[in-house]
Amino acid sequence: MIRTEQMLTQKEFEMPTKVVSGVGVIQSAGNEIKKLGVTKAMIVTDIGLFSAGVTKPIEESLRNAGLDVHVFHEIKGEPDTDLIALGAKTYLENNCNGLVAVGGGSSMDTAKAIGVEAVHGEPVLNYEASDNGKPLTKRIPPLTTIPTTAGTGSEVTQWAVIKDPVREIKFNVGGPLIPAHLAIIDPEMHLSMPKHITAATGVDALSHAIECFTMNQAQPITDAVALLAIEYVGKYLRRAYANGHDVEARYHMAQAAMLAGLSYGSDSAGAAHAMAQTLGGMVPVMHGQCVSAMLPPVMEYNWMGAPHKFARIAEALGVNTKEMTVEEAAIAAVIEVERLVADVNIPSLLDQGVDPEQIDRYAQAALDDPQTFGNPRDLDLNAYKWIYGRCLGLEESTLY
């Protein structure tokens, strides 16, 4: 069922990122990056990956291709404006002309934001995607993204999410001038991913796909990639969680994350990401775990806003819906996602340290987030309070 307003509204989809994927393709990283005109690359990664030697083969590949390398390994958590300023200063002082992000969403978003500051010469905060922010006017330097997790999709998205420690919020910066020029997706880079990271990033990818498939701005091209991402997560996340060295499962989860990232198109998501993004500015939660815990309650609230699409989600997740009504199939999608979240042991929001006494504050912040606009069911402050209450075990399920 396609809403009339969706057919009448102009849609846009841009994909400026070249994607190279396959088992072992990391060995060609240096030559691929050299094709972008890079002569000195700054690798952007976190201290844990650097200390574990994860960047070593990439450094070697770059040097073997004749490139100079500087490693920026100052990331210790989710990126904030101070880290971006330091990264941009380091990039310019070392006369780099290309960026290589190695890691999860934090590394990739950091590299994008460093690129914004490096070419615009002013703080990334000035380009916040809001009514007061400036639009980007310059393409960031040649950026290669090499994900070591399968979840954020930042390797191909047009967004970076950065924390403003002053306001205690996260903000978006984005548009067609910020995406990576090249994404190198090698499942062998994911084999050492811990179980809890596999789970959190995997459900995060699922949340991107589900929210973008059901959002008000959805269009056929985003629907197509979102549905395949949902199918891959349904088939392969449990396998990747159970056996981290299952290369086939890792490959398909890496593809799911990338496809779900593409499903953003030029738009945003919905309530789950409005909640997770704003909560992450106030509470030290891991984004993947946070949004994973929120996804089933958000779906429980949302299904009646797009029942036909939720029924299609159930099919993509492998639910036999032949004898079900549309409404029954839509509810089955919510229940199947609840099962998946439980199977991969996502901790509850309470276990993640979220304070039930702060629901009013959390709900107001979510309502103020621009991603609220994309939600398939209308939202107000009371709706967000109910969803938070459901997440924190203060509200009864409406499904059983």
Protein backbone atom coordinates (compact mmCIF):
# COMPACT_ATOMS: atom_id res chain seq x y z
CA MET A 1 0.00 0.00 0.00
CA ILE A 2 1.61 3.27 -1.14
CA ARG A 3 0.40 6.50 0.43
CA THR A 4 -0.75 9.09 -2.11
CA GLU A 5 1.48 11.82 -0.64
CA GLN A 6 4.52 9.57 -1.10
CA MET A 7 3.77 9.25 -4.82
CA LEU A 8 3.30 13.00 -5.23
CA THR A 9 6.36 14.15 -3.28
CA GLN A 10 9.64 14.59 -5.15
CA LYS A 11 12.20 11.96 -4.14
CA GLU A 12 15.97 12.07 -4.37
CA PHE A 13 18.60 9.38 -3.97
CA GLU A 14 22.34 9.87 -4.34
CA MET A 15 25.14 7.34 -3.99
CA PRO A 16 28.51 9.02 -4.47
CA THR A 17 30.43 6.16 -2.81
CA LYS A 18 32.20 3.43 -4.78
CA VAL A 19 31.82 0.11 -2.93
CA VAL A 20 34.47 -2.62 -3.18
CA SER A 21 33.51 -5.74 -1.27
CA GLY A 22 34.53 -9.36 -0.87
CA VAL A 23 36.65 -11.70 1.22
CA GLY A 24 40.26 -10.49 1.22
CA VAL A 25 39.70 -7.23 -0.68
CA ILE A 26 41.48 -5.31 2.08
CA GLN A 27 44.75 -6.36 0.42
CA SER A 28 43.98 -4.01 -2.48
CA ALA A 29 43.25 -1.02 -0.23
CA GLY A 30 46.44 0.88 -1.07
CA ASN A 31 45.98 0.69 -4.83
CA GLU A 32 42.28 1.58 -4.58
CA ILE A 33 43.00 4.61 -2.41
CA LYS A 34 45.84 5.71 -4.66
CA LYS A 35 43.31 5.94 -7.52
CA LEU A 36 41.60 8.73 -5.59
CA GLY A 37 44.71 10.90 -5.97
CA VAL A 38 45.79 10.49 -2.37
CA THR A 39 49.52 10.78 -1.67
CA LYS A 40 49.43 11.07 2.12
CA ALA A 41 46.60 9.49 4.05
CA MET A 42 45.54 10.02 7.63
CA ILE A 43 44.12 6.83 9.08
CA VAL A 44 41.37 7.62 11.60
CA THR A 45 40.75 4.88 14.15
CA ASP A 46 40.24 4.22 17.83
CA ILE A 47 42.95 3.42 20.32
CA GLY A 48 41.68 -0.13 20.87
CA LEU A 49 41.87 -1.14 17.20
CA PHE A 50 45.25 0.54 16.82
CA SER A 51 46.66 -1.20 19.90
CA ALA A 52 45.34 -4.55 18.64
CA GLY A 53 47.18 -4.11 15.36
CA VAL A 54 44.04 -3.96 13.22
CA THR A 55 45.32 -1.02 11.20
CA LYS A 56 48.73 -2.61 10.47
CA PRO A 57 47.80 -4.42 7.24
CA ILE A 58 46.09 -1.28 5.97
CA GLU A 59 49.14 0.84 6.77
CA GLU A 60 51.32 -1.70 4.93
CA SER A 61 49.01 -1.76 1.91
CA LEU A 62 49.09 2.05 1.71
CA ARG A 63 52.87 2.21 2.00
CA ASN A 64 53.33 -0.58 -0.55
CA ALA A 65 51.27 1.51 -2.96
CA GLY A 66 53.68 4.42 -2.42
CA LEU A 67 51.55 6.49 -0.04
CA ASP A 68 52.72 8.24 3.11
CA VAL A 69 50.69 7.50 6.23
CA HIS A 70 49.84 9.24 9.49
CA VAL A 71 47.70 7.43 12.06
CA PHE A 72 45.24 9.40 14.20
CA HIS A 73 44.15 7.03 16.97
CA GLU A 74 42.67 9.44 19.48
CA ILE A 75 39.11 8.05 19.41
CA LYS A 76 38.14 6.62 22.79
CA GLY A 77 34.35 6.59 22.46
CA GLU A 78 31.71 8.37 20.46
CA PRO A 79 33.15 11.47 18.76
CA ASP A 80 32.58 14.96 20.09
CA THR A 81 33.37 18.42 18.77
CA ASP A 82 36.70 18.63 20.65
CA LEU A 83 37.92 15.39 19.04
CA ILE A 84 36.94 16.66 15.60
CA ALA A 85 38.84 19.91 16.12
CA LEU A 86 41.95 17.97 17.17
CA GLY A 87 41.61 15.64 14.18
CA ALA A 88 41.26 18.47 11.67
CA LYS A 89 44.27 20.26 13.17
CA THR A 90 46.33 17.05 12.96
CA TYR A 91 45.24 16.43 9.36
CA LEU A 92 46.28 19.90 8.21
CA GLU A 93 49.54 20.04 10.21
CA ASN A 94 50.66 16.73 8.66
CA ASN A 95 49.86 17.92 5.12
CA CYS A 96 47.53 14.99 4.45
CA ASN A 97 45.30 14.93 1.39
CA GLY A 98 43.14 11.90 2.11
CA LEU A 99 41.34 10.17 4.98
CA VAL A 100 41.00 6.46 5.74
CA ALA A 101 38.51 5.54 8.47
CA VAL A 102 39.06 2.13 10.07
CA GLY A 103 36.56 0.91 12.65
CA GLY A 104 32.89 1.28 13.46
CA GLY A 105 30.56 4.23 13.20
CA SER A 106 32.62 6.38 15.55
CA SER A 107 35.71 6.15 13.36
CA MET A 108 33.79 6.77 10.16
CA ASP A 109 31.77 9.68 11.54
CA THR A 110 34.94 11.19 13.01
CA ALA A 111 36.69 11.03 9.64
CA LYS A 112 33.72 12.63 7.86
CA ALA A 113 33.56 15.46 10.38
CA ILE A 114 37.33 15.99 10.24
CA GLY A 115 36.93 16.33 6.48
CA VAL A 116 34.23 18.96 6.95
CA GLU A 117 36.40 21.08 9.25
CA ALA A 118 39.50 20.63 7.11
CA VAL A 119 37.91 21.99 3.92
CA HIS A 120 35.59 24.60 5.44
CA GLY A 121 38.04 26.03 7.98
CA GLU A 122 35.50 26.34 10.77
CA PRO A 123 33.94 24.09 13.43
CA VAL A 124 31.74 21.24 12.29
CA LEU A 125 29.11 22.49 14.77
CA ASN A 126 28.43 25.38 12.38
CA TYR A 127 27.11 22.83 9.87
CA GLU A 128 24.61 21.10 12.14
CA ALA A 129 21.67 19.81 10.14
CA SER A 130 19.13 22.16 11.71
CA ASP A 131 17.37 25.42 10.96
CA ASN A 132 20.37 27.35 12.27
CA GLY A 133 23.13 25.32 10.59
CA LYS A 134 24.91 26.22 7.39
CA PRO A 135 24.79 23.89 4.37
CA LEU A 136 28.06 22.26 3.37
CA THR A 137 29.61 24.01 0.35
CA LYS A 138 32.74 21.92 -0.27
CA ARG A 139 33.34 18.20 -0.83
CA ILE A 140 35.37 16.64 1.95
CA PRO A 141 38.86 15.31 1.06
CA PRO A 142 39.00 11.83 -0.51
CA LEU A 143 37.65 9.53 2.20
CA THR A 144 37.86 5.75 2.32
CA THR A 145 35.78 3.89 4.88
CA ILE A 146 36.85 0.43 6.05
CA PRO A 147 34.27 -0.89 8.55
CA THR A 148 35.30 -3.42 11.18
CA THR A 149 31.73 -3.81 12.43
CA ALA A 150 28.51 -4.60 10.59
CA GLY A 151 25.92 -2.13 11.77
CA THR A 152 26.12 1.63 11.38
CA GLY A 153 26.24 1.73 7.58
CA SER A 154 28.25 4.94 7.94
CA GLU A 155 30.56 3.64 5.23
CA VAL A 156 27.94 4.73 2.66
CA THR A 157 25.64 7.20 4.44
CA GLN A 158 25.43 10.95 3.94
CA TRP A 159 25.55 11.63 7.66
CA ALA A 160 27.93 11.96 10.57
CA VAL A 161 26.68 12.00 14.15
CA ILE A 162 28.76 14.10 16.55
CA LYS A 163 28.32 14.87 20.25
CA ASP A 164 28.12 18.44 21.52
CA PRO A 165 29.31 18.17 25.14
CA VAL A 166 28.08 21.67 25.96
CA ARG A 167 24.42 20.99 25.11
CA GLU A 168 24.68 17.28 25.98
CA ILE A 169 23.16 16.27 22.65
CA LYS A 170 24.25 14.57 19.48
CA PHE A 171 23.74 16.38 16.20
CA ASN A 172 23.82 15.41 12.53
CA VAL A 173 25.92 16.95 9.81
CA GLY A 174 25.41 15.74 6.29
CA GLY A 175 24.36 15.98 2.69
CA PRO A 176 25.83 14.83 -0.63
CA LEU A 177 29.22 16.48 0.06
CA ILE A 178 30.07 14.35 3.12
CA PRO A 179 29.86 10.66 2.10
CA ALA A 180 32.94 8.53 1.60
CA HIS A 181 34.43 8.40 -1.88
CA LEU A 182 35.27 4.71 -1.43
CA ALA A 183 34.07 1.97 0.91
CA ILE A 184 36.08 -1.24 1.26
CA ILE A 185 33.99 -3.97 2.87
CA ASP A 186 35.91 -7.12 3.80
CA PRO A 187 34.24 -9.61 6.17
CA GLU A 188 37.68 -10.80 7.29
CA MET A 189 37.99 -7.44 9.09
CA HIS A 190 34.98 -8.48 11.19
CA LEU A 191 36.13 -11.90 12.40
CA SER A 192 37.48 -10.66 15.74
CA MET A 193 34.37 -8.62 16.57
CA PRO A 194 33.20 -9.49 20.11
CA LYS A 195 29.78 -11.07 20.58
CA HIS A 196 28.17 -8.05 22.22
CA ILE A 197 29.39 -5.79 19.41
CA THR A 198 28.17 -8.28 16.78
CA ALA A 199 24.75 -8.24 18.44
CA ALA A 200 24.47 -4.50 18.96
CA THR A 201 25.69 -3.48 15.53
CA GLY A 202 23.64 -6.19 13.83
CA VAL A 203 20.37 -5.03 15.38
CA ASP A 204 21.39 -1.43 14.69
CA ALA A 205 21.58 -2.35 10.98
CA LEU A 206 18.14 -3.93 11.28
CA SER A 207 16.79 -0.78 12.89
CA HIS A 208 18.12 1.36 10.04
CA ALA A 209 16.45 -0.89 7.51
CA ILE A 210 13.12 -1.14 9.33
CA GLU A 211 12.89 2.57 10.11
CA CYS A 212 13.87 3.61 6.60
CA PHE A 213 11.49 1.07 5.01
CA THR A 214 8.59 2.45 7.04
CA MET A 215 9.54 6.15 7.23
CA ASN A 216 7.39 8.83 5.63
CA GLN A 217 10.10 9.63 3.09
CA ALA A 218 10.48 6.04 1.83
CA GLN A 219 10.76 5.45 -1.91
CA PRO A 220 11.12 2.34 -4.10
CA ILE A 221 14.92 2.37 -4.24
CA THR A 222 15.29 2.67 -0.46
CA ASP A 223 12.56 0.06 0.03
CA ALA A 224 14.50 -2.41 -2.12
CA VAL A 225 17.80 -2.16 -0.25
CA ALA A 226 16.06 -2.01 3.14
CA LEU A 227 14.13 -5.23 2.51
CA LEU A 228 17.24 -7.15 1.49
CA ALA A 229 19.06 -5.84 4.56
CA ILE A 230 16.18 -7.06 6.77
CA GLU A 231 16.28 -10.46 5.10
CA TYR A 232 20.05 -10.79 5.58
CA VAL A 233 19.89 -9.82 9.26
CA GLY A 234 17.06 -12.28 9.85
CA LYS A 235 19.07 -15.09 8.25
CA TYR A 236 22.60 -14.37 9.39
CA LEU A 237 22.78 -12.36 12.64
CA ARG A 238 22.21 -15.33 14.92
CA ARG A 239 24.89 -17.29 13.03
CA ALA A 240 27.42 -14.44 13.23
CA TYR A 241 26.67 -14.08 16.94
CA ALA A 242 27.00 -17.80 17.63
CA ASN A 243 30.18 -18.29 15.59
CA GLY A 244 32.24 -15.20 14.95
CA HIS A 245 34.44 -17.04 12.43
CA ASP A 246 31.51 -17.94 10.16
CA VAL A 247 32.77 -15.99 7.12
CA GLU A 248 29.54 -16.48 5.17
CA ALA A 249 27.49 -15.00 8.01
CA ARG A 250 29.99 -12.17 8.45
CA TYR A 251 29.88 -11.43 4.70
CA HIS A 252 26.09 -11.17 4.62
CA MET A 253 25.95 -9.09 7.80
CA ALA A 254 28.51 -6.69 6.29
CA GLN A 255 26.31 -6.42 3.20
CA ALA A 256 23.23 -5.92 5.39
CA ALA A 257 24.88 -3.01 7.19
CA MET A 258 25.89 -1.38 3.90
CA LEU A 259 22.44 -1.88 2.32
CA ALA A 260 20.72 -0.54 5.43
CA GLY A 261 23.03 2.48 5.27
CA LEU A 262 21.94 3.08 1.69
CA SER A 263 18.31 2.87 2.75
CA TYR A 264 18.75 6.24 4.44
CA GLY A 265 18.98 7.76 0.97
CA SER A 266 19.01 11.51 1.51
CA ASP A 267 16.61 11.35 4.44
CA SER A 268 16.47 10.24 8.04
CA ALA A 269 14.91 7.48 10.14
CA GLY A 270 12.26 7.60 12.89
CA ALA A 271 11.50 7.32 16.59
CA ALA A 272 14.09 4.69 17.50
CA HIS A 273 16.94 6.80 16.19
CA ALA A 274 15.46 10.05 17.47
CA MET A 275 15.42 8.44 20.93
CA ALA A 276 18.81 6.72 20.74
CA GLN A 277 20.62 9.70 19.30
CA THR A 278 19.33 12.15 21.89
CA LEU A 279 19.69 9.71 24.78
CA GLY A 280 23.33 9.13 23.81
CA GLY A 281 24.05 12.80 24.44
CA MET A 282 22.71 12.55 28.00
CA VAL A 283 23.66 9.03 29.14
CA PRO A 284 26.90 7.11 28.37
CA VAL A 285 25.19 4.33 26.40
CA MET A 286 26.56 2.49 23.37
CA HIS A 287 24.45 3.56 20.40
CA GLY A 288 24.04 0.05 18.98
CA GLN A 289 22.88 -1.47 22.26
CA CYS A 290 20.65 1.49 23.00
CA VAL A 291 18.79 1.51 19.68
CA SER A 292 18.58 -2.30 19.73
CA ALA A 293 16.74 -2.25 23.06
CA MET A 294 14.41 0.46 21.77
CA LEU A 295 13.53 -1.12 18.43
CA PRO A 296 10.82 -3.60 19.54
CA PRO A 297 8.87 -1.04 21.65
CA VAL A 298 9.09 1.51 18.83
CA MET A 299 7.80 -1.09 16.38
CA GLU A 300 5.02 -1.98 18.81
CA TYR A 301 3.95 1.67 18.76
CA ASN A 302 4.45 2.14 15.01
CA TRP A 303 2.97 -0.94 13.32
CA MET A 304 -0.55 0.47 12.94
CA GLY A 305 0.88 3.48 11.08
CA ALA A 306 2.09 1.27 8.23
CA PRO A 307 0.55 -2.22 8.66
CA HIS A 308 1.19 -3.40 5.09
CA LYS A 309 4.86 -2.51 5.37
CA PHE A 310 5.17 -4.18 8.75
CA ALA A 311 3.56 -7.30 7.26
CA ARG A 312 6.23 -7.24 4.54
CA ILE A 313 8.92 -6.98 7.24
CA ALA A 314 7.57 -10.17 8.80
CA GLU A 315 7.93 -11.96 5.46
CA ALA A 316 11.50 -10.69 5.05
CA LEU A 317 12.32 -12.04 8.51
CA GLY A 318 11.09 -15.49 7.50
CA VAL A 319 7.69 -15.48 9.22
CA ASN A 320 5.05 -17.60 7.44
CA THR A 321 2.27 -15.05 7.00
CA LYS A 322 0.08 -16.93 4.48
CA GLU A 323 -2.76 -17.58 6.91
CA MET A 324 -2.50 -14.20 8.63
CA THR A 325 -4.38 -10.96 8.12
CA VAL A 326 -2.30 -7.87 7.38
CA GLU A 327 -2.67 -6.76 10.99
CA GLU A 328 -1.66 -10.18 12.34
CA ALA A 329 1.41 -10.22 10.08
CA ALA A 330 2.36 -6.69 11.16
CA ILE A 331 2.22 -7.71 14.81
CA ALA A 332 4.21 -10.86 13.97
CA ALA A 333 7.02 -8.63 12.68
CA VAL A 334 7.25 -6.92 16.07
CA ILE A 335 7.26 -10.25 17.91
CA GLU A 336 9.96 -11.69 15.61
CA VAL A 337 12.22 -8.69 16.25
CA GLU A 338 11.64 -9.10 20.00
CA ARG A 339 12.79 -12.74 19.64
CA LEU A 340 15.90 -11.76 17.71
CA VAL A 341 16.86 -9.08 20.24
CA ALA A 342 16.44 -11.63 23.05
CA ASP A 343 18.40 -14.33 21.18
CA VAL A 344 21.48 -12.11 20.86
CA ASN A 345 21.24 -10.94 24.48
CA ILE A 346 20.79 -7.22 24.02
CA PRO A 347 20.79 -5.66 27.52
CA SER A 348 17.70 -3.73 28.59
CA LEU A 349 17.79 0.04 28.93
CA LEU A 350 17.72 -0.44 32.70
CA ASP A 351 20.81 -2.64 32.48
CA GLN A 352 22.43 0.04 30.31
CA GLY A 353 22.00 2.58 33.13
CA VAL A 354 19.02 4.55 31.84
CA ASP A 355 17.16 6.28 34.68
CA PRO A 356 13.33 5.82 34.67
CA GLU A 357 13.03 9.03 36.68
CA GLN A 358 14.29 10.99 33.67
CA ILE A 359 11.63 9.85 31.16
CA ASP A 360 10.16 13.34 30.78
CA ARG A 361 13.56 14.75 29.86
CA TYR A 362 14.37 11.90 27.48
CA ALA A 363 10.98 12.14 25.79
CA GLN A 364 11.23 15.88 25.22
CA ALA A 365 14.69 15.52 23.69
CA ALA A 366 13.45 12.80 21.32
CA LEU A 367 10.47 14.90 20.27
CA ASP A 368 12.81 17.77 19.43
CA ASP A 369 15.01 15.54 17.24
CA PRO A 370 14.43 16.06 13.48
CA GLN A 371 14.17 12.30 12.90
CA THR A 372 10.75 12.39 14.59
CA PHE A 373 9.45 13.73 11.29
CA GLY A 374 10.13 10.45 9.52
CA ASN A 375 8.12 8.26 11.87
CA PRO A 376 5.22 6.37 10.23
CA ARG A 377 2.86 7.01 13.16
CA ASP A 378 2.27 10.48 14.54
CA LEU A 379 4.29 11.30 17.65
CA ASP A 380 3.79 13.68 20.52
CA LEU A 381 5.33 13.98 23.96
CA ASN A 382 2.96 11.44 25.52
CA ALA A 383 3.77 8.94 22.78
CA TYR A 384 7.49 9.19 23.50
CA LYS A 385 6.79 8.86 27.22
CA TRP A 386 4.83 5.67 26.54
CA ILE A 387 7.59 4.21 24.36
CA TYR A 388 10.21 5.00 26.99
CA GLY A 389 7.95 3.49 29.63
CA ARG A 390 7.64 0.35 27.52
CA CYS A 391 11.43 0.22 27.06
CA LEU A 392 11.93 0.49 30.81
CA GLY A 393 9.29 -2.05 31.77
CA LEU A 394 6.83 0.52 33.14
CA GLU A 395 4.14 -0.10 30.49
CA GLU A 396 2.36 -3.35 29.59
CA SER A 397 2.65 -4.85 26.10
CA THR A 398 -0.23 -4.12 23.75
CA LEU A 399 0.49 -7.24 21.68
CA TYR A 400 -0.32 -10.13 24.02
